[in-house]
Amino acid sequence: MFWDSLSLSAGGASKHGSIAAFTTYRPPLPWDIFSCPIPPSSDNDEQQLADGISYNYNCRSIPVMALKALIAKKPDLASECGATADDVEQGRAIGLVFVSERDNGLETLHVALRCNDRVKVLSLAEIYGVDTFGGVRMEDSGCFGGGFTPDSDPSIVYVSTKKVVEKRRTPWTMVYRTNLRTGETEQLTPDGQYDLSPAVSPSGKKVAVASFRGNTWTGEIELLKTNIVVMNVDRKAHGGKLQRSTPIAENGGWPSWGSDNVIFFHRGISMVDPANGSRVTTHWGVFRCDITTKQIVRVTPEVLDAMTPAAISETKVAVATIGQRVKQLSDQREELQYRHIEIFDLAMPDQPSVKITQNIFPKADYYNPFILDGGCRIGYHRVRKDEMIHQDGKSCTPRNFEKLQSPNEDMELFRVSGSVVCPAISPDGSKLAFLDSEFKALWLADKQGVRIIWEVRSTIYMEMHTGNPLAEREANSIISATWNSNPEKDILYVCVGSSFNSYSTLEIYAVFHASGTGGRQGKQRLTSGGFNNAFPSSNPDGTKIVFR
């Protein structure tokens, strides 16, 4: 997930301020973790694994040795759900590590023990303390290694942003290893380099990561510029050597081991859109790398977008697929336009893929598969449909305004979600403007309540393409709400036109007396000429604006 549309409020004469933002790719309804057998016969085969609290996602199973070490460190993990060591050994109790947002809205790692349909969830901070797992940070991609020699303890390997960012336009994601017995933590990523998506080999000796090329980040969101690199999990057990390899696969991410010699990964390929020669789109595929021979082959067909592989064996892998792309998400998608989990096997190239989630509920999105029970079950996360609010027979999503833990005590941090996008806080902090998720209505929230202050209607017209049927095009959306810097003026600026299209006309409008308290509300277009005018900002007195 990525933060978008930041809004800053200085809080008037106070030294305190506020930042509000909405996140890209974060659904308005919470995710939770589920699993099903391979293959499932119906939705009755699906089982919820986590406890349904907050957003839970990006899960992996915990090996028996690592789970026993966690229970030894924190016996409450087992006692509160009635699990015993024998339950762990026999597979009646399973352990999971996943990301949850229950800790002040932070995206941090938690572990769960599930036994007899009871679930106990603890954060890593509750087990190992806030010295290692404290402060404002994000954690992800928990996996387990080590324990392959008598004097080597099992460890959890993960990515974290806990190290303070050193300079602008660089990542600050590094991979760490924490000893499950002692809690001792070691940074695996060398200083000056930055990694994502760690995955430990079946032997527990090696970890593959997606490493940023050139150790820089230039604003990419979907297609990150990373290579697959391999290094030791426990350098002490290898004579103090990290043995970080040169890239085994360039332009790759999300590694998953099929064996100690085989890694699956996904790769994004930029292609020019044939329908619009000026537009570049990214198509995703899953590939297999043989480390010994350095041979890389494509696993998934080019007609599918495929990503986030979870290896089952040297030849078999579960992936998330999208059969048909859509330009903009809506409630009217076809089954092929949803993200589903499928299994591909290179050992049987003539056989079709095994469809998993299509048999559960075909019109839902499923994310990031992981393997359970030695490959007999598949796990994933999806939206919890029970969280939907029904009104007059129709489903709707809640508008949430969440306060998050901030790294600076003088700056409050808020996340808006649900059908709220593009938040804008007034300079004195007394009003919040935002748009609906369809970019058709401008809302205002203040002490008078929450209300729509401007709504535009879609203009649908038909455009004839030579040799093609009539095509629909939609215009008139509101984007980029911004307050005038002078709170006494009570002016909002918005852009109206084709949303998110840099080649279309956008015009800037002013909404005078936006809150309706200082006079009659009015609107005026400030730009003309058919250009792409956007992102206005006024001077402190509120008498002039500058814009793109």
Protein backbone atom coordinates (compact mmCIF):
# COMPACT_ATOMS: atom_id res chain seq x y z
CA MET A 1 0.00 0.00 0.00
CA PHE A 2 1.12 3.52 -0.70
CA TRP A 3 0.16 6.88 0.73
CA ASP A 4 -1.42 9.37 -1.63
CA SER A 5 -2.93 12.88 -1.52
CA LEU A 6 -1.31 14.27 1.60
CA SER A 7 -2.96 17.25 3.29
CA LEU A 8 -1.07 19.37 5.80
CA SER A 9 -2.56 21.65 8.44
CA ALA A 10 -0.34 23.96 10.47
CA GLY A 11 -2.90 24.35 13.22
CA GLY A 12 -3.08 28.13 13.16
CA ALA A 13 -0.81 29.83 15.72
CA SER A 14 -0.07 26.51 17.41
CA LYS A 15 3.17 24.66 16.81
CA HIS A 16 1.17 21.49 16.31
CA GLY A 17 0.06 20.30 12.90
CA SER A 18 -1.82 17.50 11.19
CA ILE A 19 -1.31 15.37 8.10
CA ALA A 20 -4.21 13.48 6.52
CA ALA A 21 -3.85 11.05 3.65
CA PHE A 22 -5.59 8.19 1.90
CA THR A 23 -3.81 5.06 0.77
CA THR A 24 -3.64 3.61 -2.71
CA TYR A 25 -4.66 -0.06 -3.10
CA ARG A 26 -6.06 -0.30 0.44
CA PRO A 27 -9.67 -1.54 0.28
CA PRO A 28 -12.34 0.23 2.34
CA LEU A 29 -13.33 -3.06 3.99
CA PRO A 30 -10.78 -5.00 6.07
CA TRP A 31 -8.77 -7.96 4.85
CA ASP A 32 -8.53 -11.22 6.74
CA ILE A 33 -6.73 -14.51 6.22
CA PHE A 34 -8.39 -17.68 4.91
CA SER A 35 -7.43 -21.08 3.54
CA CYS A 36 -8.98 -23.91 1.56
CA PRO A 37 -7.99 -27.41 0.36
CA ILE A 38 -6.43 -27.95 -3.07
CA PRO A 39 -8.75 -27.92 -4.92
CA PRO A 40 -11.86 -26.71 -3.06
CA SER A 41 -15.28 -27.93 -4.10
CA SER A 42 -17.32 -24.98 -2.79
CA ASP A 43 -17.19 -21.99 -0.46
CA ASN A 44 -18.00 -24.35 2.41
CA ASP A 45 -14.39 -25.58 2.18
CA GLU A 46 -13.02 -22.16 3.12
CA GLN A 47 -11.74 -21.61 6.67
CA GLN A 48 -10.98 -18.30 8.37
CA LEU A 49 -7.56 -18.46 10.04
CA ALA A 50 -7.09 -15.12 11.84
CA ASP A 51 -9.26 -13.52 14.49
CA GLY A 52 -11.08 -10.95 12.36
CA ILE A 53 -9.66 -7.94 14.23
CA SER A 54 -8.38 -5.05 12.10
CA TYR A 55 -6.75 -5.60 8.69
CA ASN A 56 -4.77 -8.89 8.46
CA TYR A 57 -2.78 -9.87 5.36
CA ASN A 58 0.50 -11.11 3.81
CA CYS A 59 0.53 -14.35 5.80
CA ARG A 60 2.92 -17.31 5.95
CA SER A 61 2.86 -20.47 8.02
CA ILE A 62 5.28 -20.99 10.92
CA PRO A 63 7.38 -24.21 10.84
CA VAL A 64 7.06 -26.54 13.83
CA MET A 65 10.55 -25.82 15.22
CA ALA A 66 10.01 -22.06 15.04
CA LEU A 67 6.52 -22.32 16.56
CA LYS A 68 7.85 -24.32 19.52
CA ALA A 69 10.53 -21.66 20.07
CA LEU A 70 7.88 -18.92 20.06
CA ILE A 71 5.73 -20.83 22.57
CA ALA A 72 8.76 -21.40 24.81
CA LYS A 73 9.46 -17.67 24.74
CA LYS A 74 5.79 -16.71 25.35
CA PRO A 75 3.77 -19.59 26.90
CA ASP A 76 0.61 -17.43 26.82
CA LEU A 77 0.53 -17.96 23.07
CA ALA A 78 -0.39 -21.63 23.64
CA SER A 79 -2.15 -21.61 27.00
CA GLU A 80 -4.91 -19.21 25.96
CA CYS A 81 -6.06 -21.46 23.13
CA GLY A 82 -5.44 -24.76 24.93
CA ALA A 83 -2.60 -25.97 22.71
CA THR A 84 0.11 -28.38 23.85
CA ALA A 85 3.51 -29.30 22.46
CA ASP A 86 1.97 -32.52 21.16
CA ASP A 87 -0.68 -30.48 19.30
CA VAL A 88 2.11 -28.60 17.56
CA GLU A 89 4.04 -31.77 16.71
CA GLN A 90 0.95 -33.52 15.32
CA GLY A 91 -0.24 -30.52 13.31
CA ARG A 92 -3.42 -29.94 15.32
CA ALA A 93 -2.10 -26.49 16.23
CA ILE A 94 -0.79 -24.27 13.45
CA GLY A 95 1.17 -21.05 13.62
CA LEU A 96 0.90 -18.05 11.31
CA VAL A 97 2.88 -14.86 10.89
CA PHE A 98 1.16 -11.96 9.14
CA VAL A 99 0.84 -8.20 8.94
CA SER A 100 -1.87 -6.58 11.04
CA GLU A 101 -2.87 -2.95 11.54
CA ARG A 102 -4.22 -3.37 15.08
CA ASP A 103 -1.20 -1.61 16.64
CA ASN A 104 -2.07 2.12 16.36
CA GLY A 105 -2.72 1.67 12.64
CA LEU A 106 0.87 0.62 11.98
CA GLU A 107 1.51 -2.24 9.55
CA THR A 108 3.45 -4.60 11.83
CA LEU A 109 4.09 -8.33 12.16
CA HIS A 110 1.95 -10.50 14.42
CA VAL A 111 1.94 -14.23 15.13
CA ALA A 112 -1.12 -16.39 15.69
CA LEU A 113 -1.57 -19.85 17.14
CA ARG A 114 -4.72 -21.64 16.02
CA CYS A 115 -5.95 -24.78 17.82
CA ASN A 116 -9.43 -26.28 18.25
CA ASP A 117 -10.98 -23.32 16.37
CA ARG A 118 -9.50 -20.91 18.93
CA VAL A 119 -7.00 -18.25 17.86
CA LYS A 120 -4.50 -16.30 19.95
CA VAL A 121 -2.73 -13.36 18.28
CA LEU A 122 0.29 -11.51 19.66
CA SER A 123 2.51 -8.85 18.17
CA LEU A 124 6.23 -9.48 18.01
CA ALA A 125 6.58 -6.49 20.36
CA GLU A 126 4.53 -8.38 22.97
CA ILE A 127 6.89 -11.35 22.69
CA TYR A 128 10.29 -9.70 22.28
CA GLY A 129 9.76 -6.17 23.58
CA VAL A 130 9.61 -2.69 22.10
CA ASP A 131 13.38 -2.26 21.96
CA THR A 132 13.41 -4.49 18.86
CA PHE A 133 9.80 -4.18 17.68
CA GLY A 134 8.81 -0.69 18.81
CA GLY A 135 8.40 2.81 17.45
CA VAL A 136 6.84 3.99 14.22
CA ARG A 137 7.72 1.46 11.54
CA MET A 138 6.31 -0.92 8.96
CA GLU A 139 7.10 -4.64 8.92
CA ASP A 140 6.31 -7.30 6.33
CA SER A 141 7.24 -10.65 4.78
CA GLY A 142 7.86 -12.68 7.93
CA CYS A 143 9.55 -16.05 7.25
CA PHE A 144 11.70 -18.47 9.22
CA GLY A 145 15.22 -19.88 8.94
CA GLY A 146 18.20 -21.06 10.92
CA GLY A 147 18.13 -24.04 13.26
CA PHE A 148 20.02 -26.20 10.76
CA THR A 149 22.91 -27.02 13.15
CA PRO A 150 22.81 -28.14 16.81
CA ASP A 151 24.07 -24.74 18.00
CA SER A 152 21.91 -22.68 15.60
CA ASP A 153 18.58 -21.36 16.87
CA PRO A 154 15.58 -20.78 14.59
CA SER A 155 15.04 -17.17 13.59
CA ILE A 156 12.37 -14.98 12.04
CA VAL A 157 13.48 -13.04 8.97
CA TYR A 158 11.50 -9.95 7.94
CA VAL A 159 11.66 -6.53 6.33
CA SER A 160 11.31 -3.38 8.42
CA THR A 161 11.52 0.40 8.08
CA LYS A 162 12.66 0.86 11.69
CA LYS A 163 16.01 2.34 10.65
CA VAL A 164 15.67 6.10 10.19
CA VAL A 165 15.71 7.18 6.56
CA GLU A 166 19.09 8.67 5.70
CA LYS A 167 18.33 10.85 2.69
CA ARG A 168 15.54 11.77 0.30
CA ARG A 169 14.55 9.56 -2.61
CA THR A 170 16.10 6.43 -1.16
CA PRO A 171 14.30 3.39 0.25
CA TRP A 172 14.75 2.54 3.90
CA THR A 173 13.51 -1.04 3.85
CA MET A 174 16.05 -3.48 5.26
CA VAL A 175 15.91 -7.19 6.07
CA TYR A 176 16.55 -8.31 9.66
CA ARG A 177 16.89 -11.60 11.50
CA THR A 178 15.69 -12.06 15.09
CA ASN A 179 16.73 -15.13 17.10
CA LEU A 180 13.51 -16.71 18.39
CA ARG A 181 15.15 -18.00 21.58
CA THR A 182 17.19 -14.98 22.65
CA GLY A 183 15.52 -12.11 20.79
CA GLU A 184 18.91 -10.99 19.49
CA THR A 185 18.44 -9.08 16.23
CA GLU A 186 20.85 -8.67 13.31
CA GLN A 187 20.57 -6.53 10.19
CA LEU A 188 21.12 -8.73 7.14
CA THR A 189 20.90 -6.04 4.46
CA PRO A 190 24.30 -4.30 4.18
CA ASP A 191 24.38 -0.59 4.99
CA GLY A 192 23.71 1.51 1.92
CA GLN A 193 21.60 -1.21 0.28
CA TYR A 194 17.85 -1.78 0.51
CA ASP A 195 15.79 -4.97 0.26
CA LEU A 196 12.19 -6.18 0.14
CA SER A 197 10.26 -9.46 0.24
CA PRO A 198 12.64 -11.87 2.03
CA ALA A 199 12.03 -15.60 1.50
CA VAL A 200 13.99 -18.34 3.27
CA SER A 201 15.09 -21.53 1.47
CA PRO A 202 13.67 -24.93 2.56
CA SER A 203 16.95 -25.79 4.34
CA GLY A 204 16.76 -22.56 6.33
CA LYS A 205 20.25 -21.54 5.26
CA LYS A 206 19.64 -18.95 2.53
CA VAL A 207 17.36 -15.96 2.13
CA ALA A 208 16.37 -14.46 -1.21
CA VAL A 209 15.38 -10.80 -1.37
CA ALA A 210 14.25 -8.24 -3.92
CA SER A 211 17.04 -5.66 -3.82
CA PHE A 212 16.64 -2.13 -5.18
CA ARG A 213 18.77 -1.56 -8.26
CA GLY A 214 21.26 1.22 -7.73
CA ASN A 215 20.04 1.45 -4.11
CA THR A 216 17.66 4.23 -5.13
CA TRP A 217 13.94 4.81 -5.49
CA THR A 218 12.62 7.29 -8.03
CA GLY A 219 8.93 7.26 -7.20
CA GLU A 220 7.81 3.92 -8.66
CA ILE A 221 4.65 2.45 -7.14
CA GLU A 222 3.73 -0.70 -9.08
CA LEU A 223 6.88 -1.68 -10.98
CA LEU A 224 9.71 -1.39 -8.49
CA LYS A 225 13.23 -1.59 -9.90
CA THR A 226 14.52 -4.63 -8.02
CA ASN A 227 16.73 -7.67 -8.66
CA ILE A 228 16.68 -11.05 -6.90
CA VAL A 229 19.71 -11.50 -4.60
CA VAL A 230 20.59 -14.41 -2.25
CA MET A 231 22.53 -14.32 1.04
CA ASN A 232 23.05 -16.39 4.21
CA VAL A 233 20.43 -16.35 6.95
CA ASP A 234 22.89 -16.99 9.81
CA ARG A 235 26.31 -15.61 8.99
CA LYS A 236 27.70 -16.84 12.33
CA ALA A 237 26.90 -20.43 11.35
CA HIS A 238 28.72 -19.77 8.05
CA GLY A 239 31.94 -18.51 9.60
CA GLY A 240 30.79 -14.89 9.77
CA LYS A 241 30.20 -14.61 6.03
CA LEU A 242 27.06 -13.05 4.57
CA GLN A 243 27.90 -14.32 1.06
CA ARG A 244 25.55 -11.90 -0.69
CA SER A 245 25.32 -12.92 -4.33
CA THR A 246 25.27 -10.89 -7.48
CA PRO A 247 21.71 -10.77 -8.88
CA ILE A 248 20.49 -14.22 -9.91
CA ALA A 249 17.56 -12.62 -11.75
CA GLU A 250 17.27 -9.02 -12.87
CA ASN A 251 13.98 -7.12 -12.89
CA GLY A 252 12.36 -9.48 -10.42
CA GLY A 253 10.48 -9.37 -7.13
CA TRP A 254 8.59 -11.52 -4.60
CA PRO A 255 10.95 -14.56 -4.56
CA SER A 256 9.70 -17.96 -3.39
CA TRP A 257 11.86 -21.11 -3.09
CA GLY A 258 10.77 -24.32 -4.81
CA SER A 259 13.90 -26.04 -3.49
CA ASP A 260 17.35 -24.94 -2.36
CA ASN A 261 18.22 -24.60 -6.05
CA VAL A 262 15.01 -23.17 -7.55
CA ILE A 263 13.40 -19.76 -7.03
CA PHE A 264 10.13 -18.52 -8.48
CA PHE A 265 9.62 -14.76 -8.80
CA HIS A 266 7.37 -12.28 -10.56
CA ARG A 267 8.46 -9.75 -13.14
CA GLY A 268 6.74 -6.67 -14.50
CA ILE A 269 7.22 -5.90 -18.19
CA SER A 270 6.43 -2.43 -19.50
CA MET A 271 4.57 -2.43 -22.81
CA VAL A 272 3.07 0.27 -25.02
CA ASP A 273 -0.73 0.12 -24.98
CA PRO A 274 -1.79 -0.74 -28.57
CA ALA A 275 -5.00 1.25 -28.12
CA ASN A 276 -3.10 4.33 -26.96
CA GLY A 277 0.45 4.65 -28.24
CA SER A 278 1.34 7.27 -25.64
CA ARG A 279 0.37 5.05 -22.71
CA VAL A 280 2.71 2.47 -21.15
CA THR A 281 1.21 -0.36 -19.11
CA THR A 282 2.84 -3.06 -16.98
CA HIS A 283 2.10 -6.73 -17.57
CA TRP A 284 3.07 -9.28 -14.92
CA GLY A 285 4.32 -12.83 -15.23
CA VAL A 286 5.79 -15.48 -12.92
CA PHE A 287 9.17 -17.01 -13.79
CA ARG A 288 11.36 -19.87 -12.53
CA CYS A 289 15.11 -19.55 -11.96
CA ASP A 290 17.46 -22.54 -11.67
CA ILE A 291 20.34 -21.17 -9.60
CA THR A 292 22.84 -23.82 -10.78
CA THR A 293 22.23 -23.51 -14.51
CA LYS A 294 21.11 -19.83 -14.34
CA GLN A 295 18.21 -20.79 -16.62
CA ILE A 296 15.10 -18.60 -16.32
CA VAL A 297 11.81 -19.74 -17.87
CA ARG A 298 8.35 -18.23 -17.85
CA VAL A 299 5.77 -20.25 -15.89
CA THR A 300 2.51 -18.39 -16.52
CA PRO A 301 1.01 -17.64 -19.96
CA GLU A 302 1.39 -14.16 -21.39
CA VAL A 303 -2.38 -13.70 -21.67
CA LEU A 304 -2.59 -13.57 -17.85
CA ASP A 305 -1.28 -11.02 -15.40
CA ALA A 306 0.31 -13.25 -12.74
CA MET A 307 2.09 -12.21 -9.55
CA THR A 308 3.08 -13.04 -5.94
CA PRO A 309 4.20 -16.67 -6.42
CA ALA A 310 4.14 -19.22 -3.59
CA ALA A 311 6.18 -22.29 -4.50
CA ILE A 312 4.81 -25.75 -3.74
CA SER A 313 7.66 -27.75 -5.29
CA GLU A 314 10.47 -27.35 -7.85
CA THR A 315 7.91 -27.29 -10.66
CA LYS A 316 4.62 -26.29 -9.03
CA VAL A 317 3.66 -22.80 -7.90
CA ALA A 318 0.54 -20.96 -6.74
CA VAL A 319 0.09 -17.44 -8.08
CA ALA A 320 -2.45 -14.62 -8.09
CA THR A 321 -3.83 -14.00 -11.59
CA ILE A 322 -5.96 -11.43 -13.38
CA GLY A 323 -7.43 -12.70 -16.62
CA GLN A 324 -8.61 -9.39 -18.02
CA ARG A 325 -7.63 -5.86 -17.10
CA VAL A 326 -10.02 -3.03 -16.31
CA LYS A 327 -9.25 0.66 -16.61
CA GLN A 328 -11.17 1.56 -13.46
CA LEU A 329 -12.56 -0.63 -10.70
CA SER A 330 -16.33 -0.77 -10.34
CA ASP A 331 -19.03 -3.08 -9.07
CA GLN A 332 -19.72 -4.29 -12.62
CA ARG A 333 -16.65 -6.43 -13.25
CA GLU A 334 -16.62 -9.76 -15.04
CA GLU A 335 -15.21 -12.86 -13.34
CA LEU A 336 -12.01 -12.67 -15.42
CA GLN A 337 -11.39 -9.16 -14.10
CA TYR A 338 -11.06 -10.28 -10.48
CA ARG A 339 -7.80 -11.42 -8.89
CA HIS A 340 -7.83 -15.17 -8.27
CA ILE A 341 -5.46 -17.90 -7.09
CA GLU A 342 -4.34 -20.59 -9.54
CA ILE A 343 -1.68 -23.32 -9.50
CA PHE A 344 0.68 -23.96 -12.43
CA ASP A 345 2.94 -27.00 -12.85
CA LEU A 346 5.84 -26.98 -15.32
CA ALA A 347 6.02 -30.77 -15.06
CA MET A 348 2.61 -30.96 -16.76
CA PRO A 349 2.73 -28.24 -19.43
CA ASP A 350 -0.19 -29.71 -21.38
CA GLN A 351 -2.52 -29.61 -18.39
CA PRO A 352 -4.58 -26.51 -17.52
CA SER A 353 -3.90 -24.64 -14.31
CA VAL A 354 -5.73 -25.68 -11.15
CA LYS A 355 -8.23 -22.97 -10.27
CA ILE A 356 -8.63 -22.41 -6.54
CA THR A 357 -10.63 -19.36 -5.52
CA GLN A 358 -12.87 -19.36 -8.58
CA ASN A 359 -14.59 -22.33 -6.92
CA ILE A 360 -15.19 -20.41 -3.69
CA PHE A 361 -16.61 -17.07 -4.75
CA PRO A 362 -15.79 -16.04 -8.31
CA LYS A 363 -16.54 -12.31 -7.95
CA ALA A 364 -14.04 -11.41 -5.24
CA ASP A 365 -10.34 -10.50 -5.16
CA TYR A 366 -7.86 -12.88 -3.50
CA TYR A 367 -4.29 -11.92 -2.68
CA ASN A 368 -0.82 -13.32 -1.95
CA PRO A 369 -1.13 -17.12 -1.70
CA PHE A 370 0.87 -19.15 0.84
CA ILE A 371 1.23 -22.88 1.40
CA LEU A 372 -0.12 -24.94 4.32
CA ASP A 373 -0.08 -28.62 5.33
CA GLY A 374 2.78 -29.54 3.02
CA GLY A 375 0.96 -28.30 -0.06
CA CYS A 376 -2.46 -29.79 0.74
CA ARG A 377 -4.02 -26.41 1.53
CA ILE A 378 -3.59 -22.91 0.12
CA GLY A 379 -3.92 -19.70 2.11
CA TYR A 380 -4.61 -16.13 0.99
CA HIS A 381 -6.20 -12.92 2.20
CA ARG A 382 -9.39 -11.29 0.99
CA VAL A 383 -11.92 -8.72 2.14
CA ARG A 384 -14.25 -9.80 4.93
CA LYS A 385 -17.67 -9.57 3.37
CA ASP A 386 -19.36 -9.69 6.78
CA GLU A 387 -18.08 -6.15 7.43
CA MET A 388 -20.33 -4.66 4.75
CA ILE A 389 -23.11 -2.40 5.98
CA HIS A 390 -26.45 -2.95 4.28
CA GLN A 391 -28.88 -0.11 3.85
CA ASP A 392 -32.14 -0.42 1.90
CA GLY A 393 -30.95 -3.68 0.38
CA LYS A 394 -27.74 -2.15 -0.95
CA SER A 395 -24.23 -2.56 0.37
CA CYS A 396 -22.10 0.42 1.24
CA THR A 397 -18.71 0.99 2.79
CA PRO A 398 -18.00 3.02 5.93
CA ARG A 399 -16.09 6.28 5.88
CA ASN A 400 -13.24 5.96 8.36
CA PHE A 401 -10.99 8.65 9.79
CA GLU A 402 -8.24 6.91 11.74
CA LYS A 403 -5.56 8.46 13.90
CA LEU A 404 -2.21 6.73 13.48
CA GLN A 405 0.88 6.71 15.64
CA SER A 406 3.09 9.58 14.52
CA PRO A 407 6.90 9.71 14.70
CA ASN A 408 6.67 13.37 15.79
CA GLU A 409 4.67 14.39 18.85
CA ASP A 410 3.97 17.80 17.30
CA MET A 411 2.44 16.31 14.16
CA GLU A 412 -0.78 14.29 14.17
CA LEU A 413 -1.19 11.69 11.45
CA PHE A 414 -4.58 10.60 10.09
CA ARG A 415 -5.63 8.06 7.49
CA VAL A 416 -8.94 8.40 5.70
CA SER A 417 -10.39 5.30 4.09
CA GLY A 418 -13.60 3.84 2.80
CA SER A 419 -15.23 6.08 0.24
CA VAL A 420 -13.10 9.06 1.32
CA VAL A 421 -10.26 10.21 -0.95
CA CYS A 422 -8.13 13.33 -1.42
CA PRO A 423 -8.54 14.75 2.11
CA ALA A 424 -7.78 18.46 2.61
CA ILE A 425 -7.57 20.05 6.06
CA SER A 426 -8.23 23.79 6.32
CA PRO A 427 -5.29 25.95 7.48
CA ASP A 428 -6.80 26.46 10.94
CA GLY A 429 -7.63 22.76 11.28
CA SER A 430 -11.37 23.36 11.72
CA LYS A 431 -12.63 21.85 8.44
CA LEU A 432 -11.98 18.74 6.38
CA ALA A 433 -12.83 18.58 2.68
CA PHE A 434 -12.72 15.32 0.76
CA LEU A 435 -14.01 13.59 -2.36
CA ASP A 436 -16.04 10.43 -2.71
CA SER A 437 -14.45 7.34 -4.23
CA GLU A 438 -16.14 8.01 -7.58
CA PHE A 439 -14.69 11.55 -7.74
CA LYS A 440 -18.15 13.01 -8.33
CA ALA A 441 -18.91 14.77 -5.03
CA LEU A 442 -17.02 17.29 -2.90
CA TRP A 443 -17.77 16.82 0.80
CA LEU A 444 -17.15 19.07 3.78
CA ALA A 445 -16.91 18.06 7.44
CA ASP A 446 -16.89 20.68 10.20
CA LYS A 447 -18.70 21.42 13.46
CA GLN A 448 -21.96 21.74 11.49
CA GLY A 449 -21.71 18.12 10.30
CA VAL A 450 -20.84 16.30 7.09
CA ARG A 451 -22.42 17.35 3.79
CA ILE A 452 -21.97 17.55 0.03
CA ILE A 453 -21.12 21.05 -1.17
CA TRP A 454 -20.61 20.29 -4.87
CA GLU A 455 -21.61 17.38 -7.06
CA VAL A 456 -20.92 16.90 -10.76
CA ARG A 457 -22.74 14.62 -13.17
CA SER A 458 -20.99 12.35 -15.63
CA THR A 459 -21.04 13.46 -19.22
CA ILE A 460 -21.22 10.33 -21.32
CA TYR A 461 -20.75 10.73 -25.01
CA MET A 462 -19.93 8.43 -27.85
CA GLU A 463 -16.85 8.58 -29.98
CA MET A 464 -16.61 6.84 -33.32
CA HIS A 465 -13.43 4.86 -34.03
CA THR A 466 -12.83 3.81 -37.61
CA GLY A 467 -13.60 0.13 -37.96
CA ASN A 468 -14.57 -0.19 -34.29
CA PRO A 469 -17.94 -0.06 -32.53
CA LEU A 470 -19.01 3.00 -30.58
CA ALA A 471 -17.00 3.53 -27.41
CA GLU A 472 -18.08 5.31 -24.26
CA ARG A 473 -16.01 7.94 -22.55
CA GLU A 474 -16.67 9.55 -19.19
CA ALA A 475 -15.77 13.11 -18.21
CA ASN A 476 -16.47 15.60 -15.43
CA SER A 477 -14.80 14.33 -12.28
CA ILE A 478 -13.60 16.37 -9.31
CA ILE A 479 -10.02 15.85 -8.19
CA SER A 480 -7.46 17.55 -5.97
CA ALA A 481 -9.33 19.54 -3.31
CA THR A 482 -7.12 22.26 -1.77
CA TRP A 483 -7.84 25.04 0.73
CA ASN A 484 -6.88 28.67 0.30
CA SER A 485 -4.03 29.42 2.73
CA ASN A 486 -5.98 32.27 4.34
CA PRO A 487 -8.61 30.66 6.62
CA GLU A 488 -10.68 33.86 6.68
CA LYS A 489 -11.43 33.51 2.97
CA ASP A 490 -13.06 30.05 3.33
CA ILE A 491 -12.17 29.14 -0.28
CA LEU A 492 -11.66 25.66 -1.71
CA TYR A 493 -9.94 24.96 -5.03
CA VAL A 494 -10.78 21.87 -7.06
CA CYS A 495 -9.94 20.54 -10.51
CA VAL A 496 -12.70 19.37 -12.82
CA GLY A 497 -12.22 17.19 -15.88
CA SER A 498 -11.14 13.65 -16.75
CA SER A 499 -9.68 12.26 -13.55
CA PHE A 500 -6.11 10.91 -13.59
CA ASN A 501 -5.57 11.52 -17.30
CA SER A 502 -2.61 13.83 -17.92
CA TYR A 503 -3.54 14.23 -21.60
CA SER A 504 -7.04 15.60 -20.99
CA THR A 505 -8.33 19.03 -20.10
CA LEU A 506 -8.51 19.93 -16.42
CA GLU A 507 -9.79 23.28 -15.19
CA ILE A 508 -9.36 24.83 -11.75
CA TYR A 509 -12.45 26.11 -9.95
CA ALA A 510 -12.80 28.13 -6.76
CA VAL A 511 -15.60 27.38 -4.29
CA PHE A 512 -16.24 30.58 -2.33
CA HIS A 513 -17.71 30.48 1.20
CA ALA A 514 -17.22 26.71 1.11
CA SER A 515 -18.58 26.15 4.61
CA GLY A 516 -21.53 28.47 4.00
CA THR A 517 -20.91 30.50 7.16
CA GLY A 518 -19.54 33.75 5.70
CA GLY A 519 -21.91 34.26 2.81
CA ARG A 520 -23.65 32.57 -0.06
CA GLN A 521 -21.66 29.75 -1.59
CA GLY A 522 -20.47 30.34 -5.15
CA LYS A 523 -18.25 28.73 -7.79
CA GLN A 524 -15.98 30.28 -10.39
CA ARG A 525 -13.73 28.76 -13.04
CA LEU A 526 -10.24 30.22 -12.79
CA THR A 527 -8.49 28.65 -15.80
CA SER A 528 -9.29 28.23 -19.46
CA GLY A 529 -7.66 27.25 -22.73
CA GLY A 530 -8.11 23.50 -22.69
CA PHE A 531 -4.89 22.71 -20.82
CA ASN A 532 -4.20 20.21 -18.05
CA ASN A 533 -4.32 22.62 -15.08
CA ALA A 534 -4.01 21.07 -11.64
CA PHE A 535 -2.74 21.21 -8.05
CA PRO A 536 -3.30 24.88 -7.15
CA SER A 537 -1.65 26.44 -4.10
CA SER A 538 -2.24 29.96 -2.80
CA ASN A 539 0.11 32.48 -1.23
CA PRO A 540 -0.19 33.09 2.55
CA ASP A 541 -2.53 36.06 2.05
CA GLY A 542 -4.77 33.99 -0.22
CA THR A 543 -4.72 36.54 -3.04
CA LYS A 544 -2.83 34.56 -5.70
CA ILE A 545 -2.45 30.92 -6.72
CA VAL A 546 0.26 28.96 -8.44
CA PHE A 547 -0.58 25.74 -10.26
CA ARG A 548 0.79 23.12 -12.61
